[in-house]
């Protein structure tokens, strides 16, 4: 197998569902993946390399409302040699993702960009494309993930057209789920989503502000009632929310922010957050506040809070 190159195609819906079942849950949304799947992707690459395959690229297929990726999905797409493919979402189910996978299988087969395909999916609709890939001379590997009862949900129709297959055990999959979500603790039924993170930071700020001289803002006037200190705290909280959402990918994001921080304006050196991260920061701050922070002075205070928290990570404990 020396000298062989591979592309890994990952159906996130299938993987997430099987990981959830590996820890005794039934639905993907009940279980968060550590780092939104970045460590899992890295482990799959290592698994392929252990089979003497040099991974050229990994494709991660997921769904999002209106096909607009969220912060976590964009973090996956920023990982080196990972391509994010986004279909739509309807009633919590992916739509159009199978067509994206089919398109890439055909393109990789026709272009002969790789010698091997590693595919993680339970969708039997891939049968024709995987068969065609084999006819184009590619070696096709079908991988599955076992649930707690050692069922892999691999389609028998797909098994007929691939060259080989393997099933990754449930204990392997469970390592990508936070420990609090691998037991039967009812409190772990709440998924770690950006919404719950925002609610947590928001309630924390409100309770903190009620202990100070100024009153906590009401839900009806959050955007205008925050004081300077509160808005700085919002910026700090938004920083922490982004760190949690990016997971392990934050280190590379942090490095990019740090390396493009300074610019000269009229002879003065100032700090500037790269545009796409500034947008995510402000979107998160808006969610925490519960309103749009349109005034520039408010947004400056949020950025100041972000930088204070950003700098603290470099300071000795």
C-alpha atoms as a PDB file:
ATOM      1  CA  UNK A   1       0.000   0.000   0.000  1.00  0.00           C
ATOM      2  CA  UNK A   2       3.067   2.261   0.084  1.00  0.00           C
ATOM      3  CA  UNK A   3       2.639   5.413  -1.982  1.00  0.00           C
ATOM      4  CA  UNK A   4      -1.159   5.243  -2.021  1.00  0.00           C
ATOM      5  CA  UNK A   5      -3.141   8.425  -1.438  1.00  0.00           C
ATOM      6  CA  UNK A   6      -6.631   8.686  -0.043  1.00  0.00           C
ATOM      7  CA  UNK A   7      -9.549  11.031   0.499  1.00  0.00           C
ATOM      8  CA  UNK A   8     -11.757  10.498   3.551  1.00  0.00           C
ATOM      9  CA  UNK A   9     -15.445  11.312   3.084  1.00  0.00           C
ATOM     10  CA  UNK A  10     -17.358  11.676   6.363  1.00  0.00           C
ATOM     11  CA  UNK A  11     -21.134  11.870   6.578  1.00  0.00           C
ATOM     12  CA  UNK A  12     -21.393  13.877   9.821  1.00  0.00           C
ATOM     13  CA  UNK A  13     -25.011  12.849  10.345  1.00  0.00           C
ATOM     14  CA  UNK A  14     -24.110   9.142  10.292  1.00  0.00           C
ATOM     15  CA  UNK A  15     -21.011   9.596  12.441  1.00  0.00           C
ATOM     16  CA  UNK A  16     -22.800  11.744  15.016  1.00  0.00           C
ATOM     17  CA  UNK A  17     -25.715   9.311  15.220  1.00  0.00           C
ATOM     18  CA  UNK A  18     -23.417   6.330  15.727  1.00  0.00           C
ATOM     19  CA  UNK A  19     -21.304   8.153  18.313  1.00  0.00           C
ATOM     20  CA  UNK A  20     -24.486   9.016  20.209  1.00  0.00           C
ATOM     21  CA  UNK A  21     -25.549   5.365  20.153  1.00  0.00           C
ATOM     22  CA  UNK A  22     -22.067   4.290  21.234  1.00  0.00           C
ATOM     23  CA  UNK A  23     -22.691   6.099  24.536  1.00  0.00           C
ATOM     24  CA  UNK A  24     -26.266   4.902  24.884  1.00  0.00           C
ATOM     25  CA  UNK A  25     -28.154   7.814  23.322  1.00  0.00           C
ATOM     26  CA  UNK A  26     -30.580   7.718  20.413  1.00  0.00           C
ATOM     27  CA  UNK A  27     -30.224  11.081  18.721  1.00  0.00           C
ATOM     28  CA  UNK A  28     -27.169  13.029  17.567  1.00  0.00           C
ATOM     29  CA  UNK A  29     -28.347  16.277  19.134  1.00  0.00           C
ATOM     30  CA  UNK A  30     -28.311  14.665  22.569  1.00  0.00           C
ATOM     31  CA  UNK A  31     -24.536  14.333  22.493  1.00  0.00           C
ATOM     32  CA  UNK A  32     -21.887  16.986  21.822  1.00  0.00           C
ATOM     33  CA  UNK A  33     -18.716  16.001  20.038  1.00  0.00           C
ATOM     34  CA  UNK A  34     -15.529  17.339  21.605  1.00  0.00           C
ATOM     35  CA  UNK A  35     -14.305  20.177  19.418  1.00  0.00           C
ATOM     36  CA  UNK A  36     -17.311  19.642  17.144  1.00  0.00           C
ATOM     37  CA  UNK A  37     -15.571  16.636  15.605  1.00  0.00           C
ATOM     38  CA  UNK A  38     -12.104  18.046  14.927  1.00  0.00           C
ATOM     39  CA  UNK A  39     -10.367  15.465  17.183  1.00  0.00           C
ATOM     40  CA  UNK A  40     -12.488  12.731  15.589  1.00  0.00           C
ATOM     41  CA  UNK A  41     -11.388  13.831  12.120  1.00  0.00           C
ATOM     42  CA  UNK A  42      -7.771  13.786  13.220  1.00  0.00           C
ATOM     43  CA  UNK A  43      -8.202  10.281  14.645  1.00  0.00           C
ATOM     44  CA  UNK A  44      -9.716   9.033  11.380  1.00  0.00           C
ATOM     45  CA  UNK A  45      -6.739  10.426   9.478  1.00  0.00           C
ATOM     46  CA  UNK A  46      -4.427   8.583  11.869  1.00  0.00           C
ATOM     47  CA  UNK A  47      -6.444   5.407  11.350  1.00  0.00           C
ATOM     48  CA  UNK A  48      -6.022   5.702   7.573  1.00  0.00           C
ATOM     49  CA  UNK A  49      -2.320   6.405   7.921  1.00  0.00           C
ATOM     50  CA  UNK A  50      -2.087   3.288  10.050  1.00  0.00           C
ATOM     51  CA  UNK A  51      -3.386   1.446   6.980  1.00  0.00           C
ATOM     52  CA  UNK A  52      -0.467   2.962   5.022  1.00  0.00           C
ATOM     53  CA  UNK A  53      -2.602   5.537   3.255  1.00  0.00           C
ATOM     54  CA  UNK A  54      -1.410   9.108   2.825  1.00  0.00           C
ATOM     55  CA  UNK A  55      -4.487  11.269   3.315  1.00  0.00           C
ATOM     56  CA  UNK A  56      -4.658  14.012   0.723  1.00  0.00           C
ATOM     57  CA  UNK A  57      -7.862  15.593   1.990  1.00  0.00           C
ATOM     58  CA  UNK A  58     -10.809  14.971   4.303  1.00  0.00           C
ATOM     59  CA  UNK A  59     -14.372  15.993   3.460  1.00  0.00           C
ATOM     60  CA  UNK A  60     -16.882  16.698   6.253  1.00  0.00           C
ATOM     61  CA  UNK A  61     -20.542  16.721   5.154  1.00  0.00           C
ATOM     62  CA  UNK A  62     -23.079  18.344   7.462  1.00  0.00           C
ATOM     63  CA  UNK A  63     -26.347  20.243   7.341  1.00  0.00           C
ATOM     64  CA  UNK A  64     -27.202  23.783   8.413  1.00  0.00           C
ATOM     65  CA  UNK A  65     -30.324  25.964   8.216  1.00  0.00           C
ATOM     66  CA  UNK A  66     -30.340  27.792   4.871  1.00  0.00           C
ATOM     67  CA  UNK A  67     -26.984  26.073   4.207  1.00  0.00           C
ATOM     68  CA  UNK A  68     -25.227  28.722   6.300  1.00  0.00           C
ATOM     69  CA  UNK A  69     -22.564  27.025   8.469  1.00  0.00           C
ATOM     70  CA  UNK A  70     -22.447  27.931  12.129  1.00  0.00           C
ATOM     71  CA  UNK A  71     -19.349  28.917  14.087  1.00  0.00           C
ATOM     72  CA  UNK A  72     -18.505  25.335  14.967  1.00  0.00           C
ATOM     73  CA  UNK A  73     -18.875  24.089  11.404  1.00  0.00           C
ATOM     74  CA  UNK A  74     -16.705  26.900  10.104  1.00  0.00           C
ATOM     75  CA  UNK A  75     -14.066  25.843  12.632  1.00  0.00           C
ATOM     76  CA  UNK A  76     -14.063  22.381  11.026  1.00  0.00           C
ATOM     77  CA  UNK A  77     -13.669  23.955   7.612  1.00  0.00           C
ATOM     78  CA  UNK A  78     -10.591  25.883   8.739  1.00  0.00           C
ATOM     79  CA  UNK A  79      -8.663  22.768   9.696  1.00  0.00           C
ATOM     80  CA  UNK A  80      -5.826  22.052   7.280  1.00  0.00           C
ATOM     81  CA  UNK A  81      -6.750  19.638   4.481  1.00  0.00           C
ATOM     82  CA  UNK A  82     -10.396  19.511   5.547  1.00  0.00           C
ATOM     83  CA  UNK A  83     -13.151  20.586   3.187  1.00  0.00           C
ATOM     84  CA  UNK A  84     -16.518  21.500   4.683  1.00  0.00           C
ATOM     85  CA  UNK A  85     -19.552  20.614   2.564  1.00  0.00           C
ATOM     86  CA  UNK A  86     -22.885  21.958   3.838  1.00  0.00           C
ATOM     87  CA  UNK A  87     -26.349  20.828   2.875  1.00  0.00           C
ATOM     88  CA  UNK A  88     -29.589  22.115   4.334  1.00  0.00           C
ATOM     89  CA  UNK A  89     -31.448  21.161   7.510  1.00  0.00           C
ATOM     90  CA  UNK A  90     -35.172  20.498   7.854  1.00  0.00           C
ATOM     91  CA  UNK A  91     -36.814  19.431  11.113  1.00  0.00           C
ATOM     92  CA  UNK A  92     -33.413  18.502  12.499  1.00  0.00           C
ATOM     93  CA  UNK A  93     -32.555  16.267   9.525  1.00  0.00           C
ATOM     94  CA  UNK A  94     -29.902  16.770   6.860  1.00  0.00           C
ATOM     95  CA  UNK A  95     -31.125  17.448   3.328  1.00  0.00           C
ATOM     96  CA  UNK A  96     -29.057  17.277   0.157  1.00  0.00           C
ATOM     97  CA  UNK A  97     -25.940  15.982   1.905  1.00  0.00           C
ATOM     98  CA  UNK A  98     -26.085  12.692   0.000  1.00  0.00           C
ATOM     99  CA  UNK A  99     -25.882  14.577  -3.303  1.00  0.00           C
ATOM    100  CA  UNK A 100     -22.804  16.466  -2.117  1.00  0.00           C
ATOM    101  CA  UNK A 101     -21.094  13.182  -1.233  1.00  0.00           C
ATOM    102  CA  UNK A 102     -22.098  11.622  -4.548  1.00  0.00           C
ATOM    103  CA  UNK A 103     -20.704  14.607  -6.453  1.00  0.00           C
ATOM    104  CA  UNK A 104     -17.333  14.414  -4.726  1.00  0.00           C
ATOM    105  CA  UNK A 105     -17.085  10.639  -5.204  1.00  0.00           C
ATOM    106  CA  UNK A 106     -17.613  11.063  -8.935  1.00  0.00           C
ATOM    107  CA  UNK A 107     -15.192  13.990  -9.185  1.00  0.00           C
ATOM    108  CA  UNK A 108     -12.438  12.167  -7.294  1.00  0.00           C
ATOM    109  CA  UNK A 109     -13.010   9.053  -9.394  1.00  0.00           C
ATOM    110  CA  UNK A 110     -12.951  10.804 -12.745  1.00  0.00           C
ATOM    111  CA  UNK A 111      -9.994  13.045 -11.898  1.00  0.00           C
ATOM    112  CA  UNK A 112      -8.030  10.160 -10.343  1.00  0.00           C
ATOM    113  CA  UNK A 113      -6.883  12.607  -7.680  1.00  0.00           C
ATOM    114  CA  UNK A 114      -6.395   9.738  -5.224  1.00  0.00           C
ATOM    115  CA  UNK A 115      -5.898   5.987  -5.350  1.00  0.00           C
ATOM    116  CA  UNK A 116      -8.227   5.172  -2.436  1.00  0.00           C
ATOM    117  CA  UNK A 117     -11.493   6.385  -0.991  1.00  0.00           C
ATOM    118  CA  UNK A 118     -12.386   5.972   2.677  1.00  0.00           C
ATOM    119  CA  UNK A 119     -16.109   6.540   3.168  1.00  0.00           C
ATOM    120  CA  UNK A 120     -18.046   6.764   6.432  1.00  0.00           C
ATOM    121  CA  UNK A 121     -21.758   6.682   5.715  1.00  0.00           C
ATOM    122  CA  UNK A 122     -24.821   4.550   6.278  1.00  0.00           C
ATOM    123  CA  UNK A 123     -26.630   5.874   3.213  1.00  0.00           C
ATOM    124  CA  UNK A 124     -27.323   3.067   0.755  1.00  0.00           C
ATOM    125  CA  UNK A 125     -27.960   5.681  -1.955  1.00  0.00           C
ATOM    126  CA  UNK A 126     -24.169   5.820  -2.391  1.00  0.00           C
ATOM    127  CA  UNK A 127     -24.152   2.358  -4.016  1.00  0.00           C
ATOM    128  CA  UNK A 128     -23.982   3.506  -7.636  1.00  0.00           C
ATOM    129  CA  UNK A 129     -21.267   6.105  -7.023  1.00  0.00           C
ATOM    130  CA  UNK A 130     -19.085   3.785  -4.955  1.00  0.00           C
ATOM    131  CA  UNK A 131     -19.419   1.090  -7.597  1.00  0.00           C
ATOM    132  CA  UNK A 132     -18.401   3.605 -10.268  1.00  0.00           C
ATOM    133  CA  UNK A 133     -15.382   4.648  -8.195  1.00  0.00           C
ATOM    134  CA  UNK A 134     -14.222   1.036  -8.161  1.00  0.00           C
ATOM    135  CA  UNK A 135     -14.707   0.768 -11.900  1.00  0.00           C
ATOM    136  CA  UNK A 136     -12.491   3.843 -12.329  1.00  0.00           C
ATOM    137  CA  UNK A 137      -9.711   1.969 -10.541  1.00  0.00           C
ATOM    138  CA  UNK A 138     -10.025   3.402  -7.046  1.00  0.00           C
ATOM    139  CA  UNK A 139      -9.843   1.141  -4.010  1.00  0.00           C
ATOM    140  CA  UNK A 140     -12.947   1.836  -1.942  1.00  0.00           C
ATOM    141  CA  UNK A 141     -12.913   1.331   1.847  1.00  0.00           C
ATOM    142  CA  UNK A 142     -16.188   1.516   3.759  1.00  0.00           C
ATOM    143  CA  UNK A 143     -15.865   2.321   7.455  1.00  0.00           C
ATOM    144  CA  UNK A 144     -18.544   2.207  10.101  1.00  0.00           C
ATOM    145  CA  UNK A 145     -18.878   2.943  13.816  1.00  0.00           C
ATOM    146  CA  UNK A 146     -20.393   0.386  16.153  1.00  0.00           C
ATOM    147  CA  UNK A 147     -23.048   1.372  18.649  1.00  0.00           C
ATOM    148  CA  UNK A 148     -23.162   0.114  22.226  1.00  0.00           C
ATOM    149  CA  UNK A 149     -24.676  -3.178  21.001  1.00  0.00           C
ATOM    150  CA  UNK A 150     -21.970  -3.523  18.316  1.00  0.00           C
ATOM    151  CA  UNK A 151     -24.331  -2.682  15.451  1.00  0.00           C
ATOM    152  CA  UNK A 152     -22.723  -0.553  12.744  1.00  0.00           C
ATOM    153  CA  UNK A 153     -25.707   0.397  10.529  1.00  0.00           C
ATOM    154  CA  UNK A 154     -23.641  -0.248   7.394  1.00  0.00           C
ATOM    155  CA  UNK A 155     -25.845  -0.946   4.387  1.00  0.00           C
ATOM    156  CA  UNK A 156     -25.501  -4.463   2.953  1.00  0.00           C
ATOM    157  CA  UNK A 157     -25.948  -2.924  -0.485  1.00  0.00           C
ATOM    158  CA  UNK A 158     -22.820  -0.836   0.019  1.00  0.00           C
ATOM    159  CA  UNK A 159     -20.852  -3.840   1.240  1.00  0.00           C
ATOM    160  CA  UNK A 160     -21.430  -5.494  -2.129  1.00  0.00           C
ATOM    161  CA  UNK A 161     -19.676  -2.749  -4.097  1.00  0.00           C
ATOM    162  CA  UNK A 162     -16.698  -1.794  -1.886  1.00  0.00           C
ATOM    163  CA  UNK A 163     -13.290  -3.449  -1.733  1.00  0.00           C
ATOM    164  CA  UNK A 164     -13.115  -3.797   2.039  1.00  0.00           C
ATOM    165  CA  UNK A 165     -14.717  -2.540   5.207  1.00  0.00           C
ATOM    166  CA  UNK A 166     -13.985  -2.056   8.876  1.00  0.00           C
ATOM    167  CA  UNK A 167     -15.989  -1.170  11.960  1.00  0.00           C
ATOM    168  CA  UNK A 168     -14.539   1.150  14.580  1.00  0.00           C
ATOM    169  CA  UNK A 169     -15.613  -0.001  18.054  1.00  0.00           C
ATOM    170  CA  UNK A 170     -17.959   1.859  20.377  1.00  0.00           C
ATOM    171  CA  UNK A 171     -15.236   2.479  22.961  1.00  0.00           C
ATOM    172  CA  UNK A 172     -13.208   4.261  20.251  1.00  0.00           C
ATOM    173  CA  UNK A 173     -16.162   6.514  19.414  1.00  0.00           C
ATOM    174  CA  UNK A 174     -16.925   7.283  23.064  1.00  0.00           C
ATOM    175  CA  UNK A 175     -13.542   8.995  23.490  1.00  0.00           C
ATOM    176  CA  UNK A 176     -14.855  11.913  21.418  1.00  0.00           C
ATOM    177  CA  UNK A 177     -17.734  12.641  23.795  1.00  0.00           C
ATOM    178  CA  UNK A 178     -17.272  14.608  27.048  1.00  0.00           C
ATOM    179  CA  UNK A 179     -17.251  12.256  30.032  1.00  0.00           C
ATOM    180  CA  UNK A 180     -20.383  13.846  31.485  1.00  0.00           C
ATOM    181  CA  UNK A 181     -22.277  12.675  28.393  1.00  0.00           C
ATOM    182  CA  UNK A 182     -21.191   9.037  28.511  1.00  0.00           C
ATOM    183  CA  UNK A 183     -23.207   8.064  31.566  1.00  0.00           C
ATOM    184  CA  UNK A 184     -26.907   8.087  32.388  1.00  0.00           C
ATOM    185  CA  UNK A 185     -26.909  11.364  34.272  1.00  0.00           C
ATOM    186  CA  UNK A 186     -30.188  13.100  33.259  1.00  0.00           C
ATOM    187  CA  UNK A 187     -28.440  16.464  33.411  1.00  0.00           C
ATOM    188  CA  UNK A 188     -26.318  15.442  30.440  1.00  0.00           C
ATOM    189  CA  UNK A 189     -29.396  15.232  28.225  1.00  0.00           C
ATOM    190  CA  UNK A 190     -28.922  18.935  27.504  1.00  0.00           C
ATOM    191  CA  UNK A 191     -26.627  19.242  24.464  1.00  0.00           C
ATOM    192  CA  UNK A 192     -23.716  21.653  24.526  1.00  0.00           C
ATOM    193  CA  UNK A 193     -24.945  23.993  21.816  1.00  0.00           C
ATOM    194  CA  UNK A 194     -24.117  27.575  21.124  1.00  0.00           C
ATOM    195  CA  UNK A 195     -27.591  28.553  22.358  1.00  0.00           C
ATOM    196  CA  UNK A 196     -27.070  26.932  25.763  1.00  0.00           C
ATOM    197  CA  UNK A 197     -23.627  28.504  26.014  1.00  0.00           C
ATOM    198  CA  UNK A 198     -25.085  31.928  25.261  1.00  0.00           C
ATOM    199  CA  UNK A 199     -27.833  31.425  27.839  1.00  0.00           C
ATOM    200  CA  UNK A 200     -25.206  30.400  30.395  1.00  0.00           C
ATOM    201  CA  UNK A 201     -23.002  33.447  29.802  1.00  0.00           C
ATOM    202  CA  UNK A 202     -25.992  35.749  29.684  1.00  0.00           C
ATOM    203  CA  UNK A 203     -27.484  34.511  32.957  1.00  0.00           C
ATOM    204  CA  UNK A 204     -24.063  34.681  34.595  1.00  0.00           C
ATOM    205  CA  UNK A 205     -23.633  38.294  33.552  1.00  0.00           C
ATOM    206  CA  UNK A 206     -27.130  39.214  34.699  1.00  0.00           C
ATOM    207  CA  UNK A 207     -26.598  37.635  38.106  1.00  0.00           C
ATOM    208  CA  UNK A 208     -23.213  39.303  38.412  1.00  0.00           C
ATOM    209  CA  UNK A 209     -24.572  42.699  37.470  1.00  0.00           C
ATOM    210  CA  UNK A 210     -27.313  42.413  40.094  1.00  0.00           C
ATOM    211  CA  UNK A 211     -24.584  42.333  42.744  1.00  0.00           C
ATOM    212  CA  UNK A 212     -23.268  45.742  41.660  1.00  0.00           C
ATOM    213  CA  UNK A 213     -24.599  49.248  42.069  1.00  0.00           C
ATOM    214  CA  UNK A 214     -26.187  49.386  38.620  1.00  0.00           C
ATOM    215  CA  UNK A 215     -29.316  47.349  37.992  1.00  0.00           C
ATOM    216  CA  UNK A 216     -29.359  44.365  35.698  1.00  0.00           C
ATOM    217  CA  UNK A 217     -30.955  45.159  32.320  1.00  0.00           C
ATOM    218  CA  UNK A 218     -34.352  43.747  31.561  1.00  0.00           C
ATOM    219  CA  UNK A 219     -35.055  41.500  28.581  1.00  0.00           C
ATOM    220  CA  UNK A 220     -37.029  44.328  26.982  1.00  0.00           C
ATOM    221  CA  UNK A 221     -34.120  46.754  26.868  1.00  0.00           C
ATOM    222  CA  UNK A 222     -30.942  44.736  26.970  1.00  0.00           C
ATOM    223  CA  UNK A 223     -29.261  46.495  24.053  1.00  0.00           C
ATOM    224  CA  UNK A 224     -29.469  49.947  25.588  1.00  0.00           C
ATOM    225  CA  UNK A 225     -29.253  49.183  29.321  1.00  0.00           C
ATOM    226  CA  UNK A 226     -25.794  47.668  29.555  1.00  0.00           C
ATOM    227  CA  UNK A 227     -23.211  49.905  31.194  1.00  0.00           C
ATOM    228  CA  UNK A 228     -19.547  50.176  30.188  1.00  0.00           C
ATOM    229  CA  UNK A 229     -18.355  47.566  32.687  1.00  0.00           C
ATOM    230  CA  UNK A 230     -21.110  45.187  31.642  1.00  0.00           C
ATOM    231  CA  UNK A 231     -20.274  45.511  27.958  1.00  0.00           C
ATOM    232  CA  UNK A 232     -16.624  44.769  28.699  1.00  0.00           C
ATOM    233  CA  UNK A 233     -17.856  41.687  30.554  1.00  0.00           C
ATOM    234  CA  UNK A 234     -19.953  40.773  27.517  1.00  0.00           C
ATOM    235  CA  UNK A 235     -16.793  40.912  25.405  1.00  0.00           C
ATOM    236  CA  UNK A 236     -14.992  38.628  27.836  1.00  0.00           C
ATOM    237  CA  UNK A 237     -17.926  36.210  27.869  1.00  0.00           C
ATOM    238  CA  UNK A 238     -18.141  36.263  24.063  1.00  0.00           C
ATOM    239  CA  UNK A 239     -14.439  35.358  23.929  1.00  0.00           C
ATOM    240  CA  UNK A 240     -15.070  32.349  26.191  1.00  0.00           C
ATOM    241  CA  UNK A 241     -18.096  31.288  24.130  1.00  0.00           C
ATOM    242  CA  UNK A 242     -15.996  31.312  20.957  1.00  0.00           C
ATOM    243  CA  UNK A 243     -13.250  29.312  22.650  1.00  0.00           C
ATOM    244  CA  UNK A 244     -15.794  26.644  23.621  1.00  0.00           C
ATOM    245  CA  UNK A 245     -17.407  26.600  20.201  1.00  0.00           C
ATOM    246  CA  UNK A 246     -14.114  26.264  18.333  1.00  0.00           C
ATOM    247  CA  UNK A 247     -12.772  23.610  20.692  1.00  0.00           C
ATOM    248  CA  UNK A 248      -9.291  22.348  19.723  1.00  0.00           C
ATOM    249  CA  UNK A 249      -9.379  24.484  16.570  1.00  0.00           C
ATOM    250  CA  UNK A 250      -9.205  27.609  18.765  1.00  0.00           C
ATOM    251  CA  UNK A 251      -5.423  27.400  19.032  1.00  0.00           C
ATOM    252  CA  UNK A 252      -5.009  27.901  15.283  1.00  0.00           C
ATOM    253  CA  UNK A 253      -7.675  30.625  15.286  1.00  0.00           C
ATOM    254  CA  UNK A 254      -5.968  32.325  18.206  1.00  0.00           C
ATOM    255  CA  UNK A 255      -2.650  32.229  16.367  1.00  0.00           C
ATOM    256  CA  UNK A 256      -4.235  33.840  13.318  1.00  0.00           C
ATOM    257  CA  UNK A 257      -5.794  36.589  15.428  1.00  0.00           C
ATOM    258  CA  UNK A 258      -2.526  37.221  17.273  1.00  0.00           C
ATOM    259  CA  UNK A 259      -0.498  37.374  14.046  1.00  0.00           C
ATOM    260  CA  UNK A 260      -2.794  39.931  12.406  1.00  0.00           C
ATOM    261  CA  UNK A 261      -3.514  42.048  15.434  1.00  0.00           C
ATOM    262  CA  UNK A 262      -1.556  45.216  14.791  1.00  0.00           C
ATOM    263  CA  UNK A 263      -1.897  47.815  12.083  1.00  0.00           C
ATOM    264  CA  UNK A 264      -0.874  51.437  11.729  1.00  0.00           C
ATOM    265  CA  UNK A 265      -3.502  54.121  11.436  1.00  0.00           C
ATOM    266  CA  UNK A 266      -2.275  57.688  11.216  1.00  0.00           C
ATOM    267  CA  UNK A 267       1.023  56.743  12.807  1.00  0.00           C
ATOM    268  CA  UNK A 268      -0.670  54.992  15.725  1.00  0.00           C
ATOM    269  CA  UNK A 269      -0.439  51.264  16.269  1.00  0.00           C
ATOM    270  CA  UNK A 270      -3.802  49.765  17.231  1.00  0.00           C
ATOM    271  CA  UNK A 271      -5.222  46.293  17.654  1.00  0.00           C
ATOM    272  CA  UNK A 272      -7.608  44.973  15.042  1.00  0.00           C
ATOM    273  CA  UNK A 273      -9.517  41.672  15.042  1.00  0.00           C
ATOM    274  CA  UNK A 274      -9.613  40.032  11.568  1.00  0.00           C
ATOM    275  CA  UNK A 275     -12.965  40.680   9.925  1.00  0.00           C
ATOM    276  CA  UNK A 276     -14.527  37.226   9.987  1.00  0.00           C
ATOM    277  CA  UNK A 277     -13.656  36.705  13.654  1.00  0.00           C
ATOM    278  CA  UNK A 278     -14.870  40.187  14.544  1.00  0.00           C
ATOM    279  CA  UNK A 279     -18.214  39.321  12.935  1.00  0.00           C
ATOM    280  CA  UNK A 280     -18.462  36.132  14.987  1.00  0.00           C
ATOM    281  CA  UNK A 281     -17.510  38.045  18.136  1.00  0.00           C
ATOM    282  CA  UNK A 282     -20.225  40.643  17.567  1.00  0.00           C
ATOM    283  CA  UNK A 283     -22.834  38.028  16.649  1.00  0.00           C
ATOM    284  CA  UNK A 284     -22.077  36.213  19.903  1.00  0.00           C
ATOM    285  CA  UNK A 285     -22.179  39.460  21.892  1.00  0.00           C
ATOM    286  CA  UNK A 286     -25.534  40.349  20.319  1.00  0.00           C
ATOM    287  CA  UNK A 287     -26.869  36.935  21.339  1.00  0.00           C
ATOM    288  CA  UNK A 288     -25.667  37.386  24.913  1.00  0.00           C
ATOM    289  CA  UNK A 289     -27.149  40.876  25.183  1.00  0.00           C
ATOM    290  CA  UNK A 290     -30.345  39.871  23.410  1.00  0.00           C
ATOM    291  CA  UNK A 291     -30.244  42.827  21.048  1.00  0.00           C
ATOM    292  CA  UNK A 292     -28.104  44.286  18.270  1.00  0.00           C
ATOM    293  CA  UNK A 293     -25.256  46.462  19.511  1.00  0.00           C
ATOM    294  CA  UNK A 294     -25.340  49.049  16.762  1.00  0.00           C
ATOM    295  CA  UNK A 295     -23.560  51.918  18.515  1.00  0.00           C
ATOM    296  CA  UNK A 296     -19.851  51.983  17.759  1.00  0.00           C
ATOM    297  CA  UNK A 297     -18.997  52.903  21.377  1.00  0.00           C
ATOM    298  CA  UNK A 298     -20.737  49.744  22.598  1.00  0.00           C
ATOM    299  CA  UNK A 299     -18.928  47.577  20.057  1.00  0.00           C
ATOM    300  CA  UNK A 300     -15.569  49.094  21.060  1.00  0.00           C
ATOM    301  CA  UNK A 301     -16.250  48.146  24.688  1.00  0.00           C
ATOM    302  CA  UNK A 302     -17.084  44.579  23.653  1.00  0.00           C
ATOM    303  CA  UNK A 303     -13.821  44.354  21.706  1.00  0.00           C
ATOM    304  CA  UNK A 304     -11.927  45.741  24.691  1.00  0.00           C
ATOM    305  CA  UNK A 305     -13.403  42.979  26.844  1.00  0.00           C
ATOM    306  CA  UNK A 306     -12.446  40.409  24.237  1.00  0.00           C
ATOM    307  CA  UNK A 307      -8.829  41.627  24.195  1.00  0.00           C
ATOM    308  CA  UNK A 308      -8.582  41.628  27.976  1.00  0.00           C
ATOM    309  CA  UNK A 309      -9.668  38.006  28.070  1.00  0.00           C
ATOM    310  CA  UNK A 310      -7.464  37.182  25.080  1.00  0.00           C
ATOM    311  CA  UNK A 311      -4.408  38.654  26.855  1.00  0.00           C
ATOM    312  CA  UNK A 312      -5.148  36.826  30.089  1.00  0.00           C
ATOM    313  CA  UNK A 313      -4.527  33.523  28.308  1.00  0.00           C
ATOM    314  CA  UNK A 314      -0.928  34.627  27.744  1.00  0.00           C
ATOM    315  CA  UNK A 315      -0.428  35.746  31.337  1.00  0.00           C
ATOM    316  CA  UNK A 316       1.018  33.392  33.960  1.00  0.00           C
ATOM    317  CA  UNK A 317      -1.569  31.982  36.350  1.00  0.00           C
END
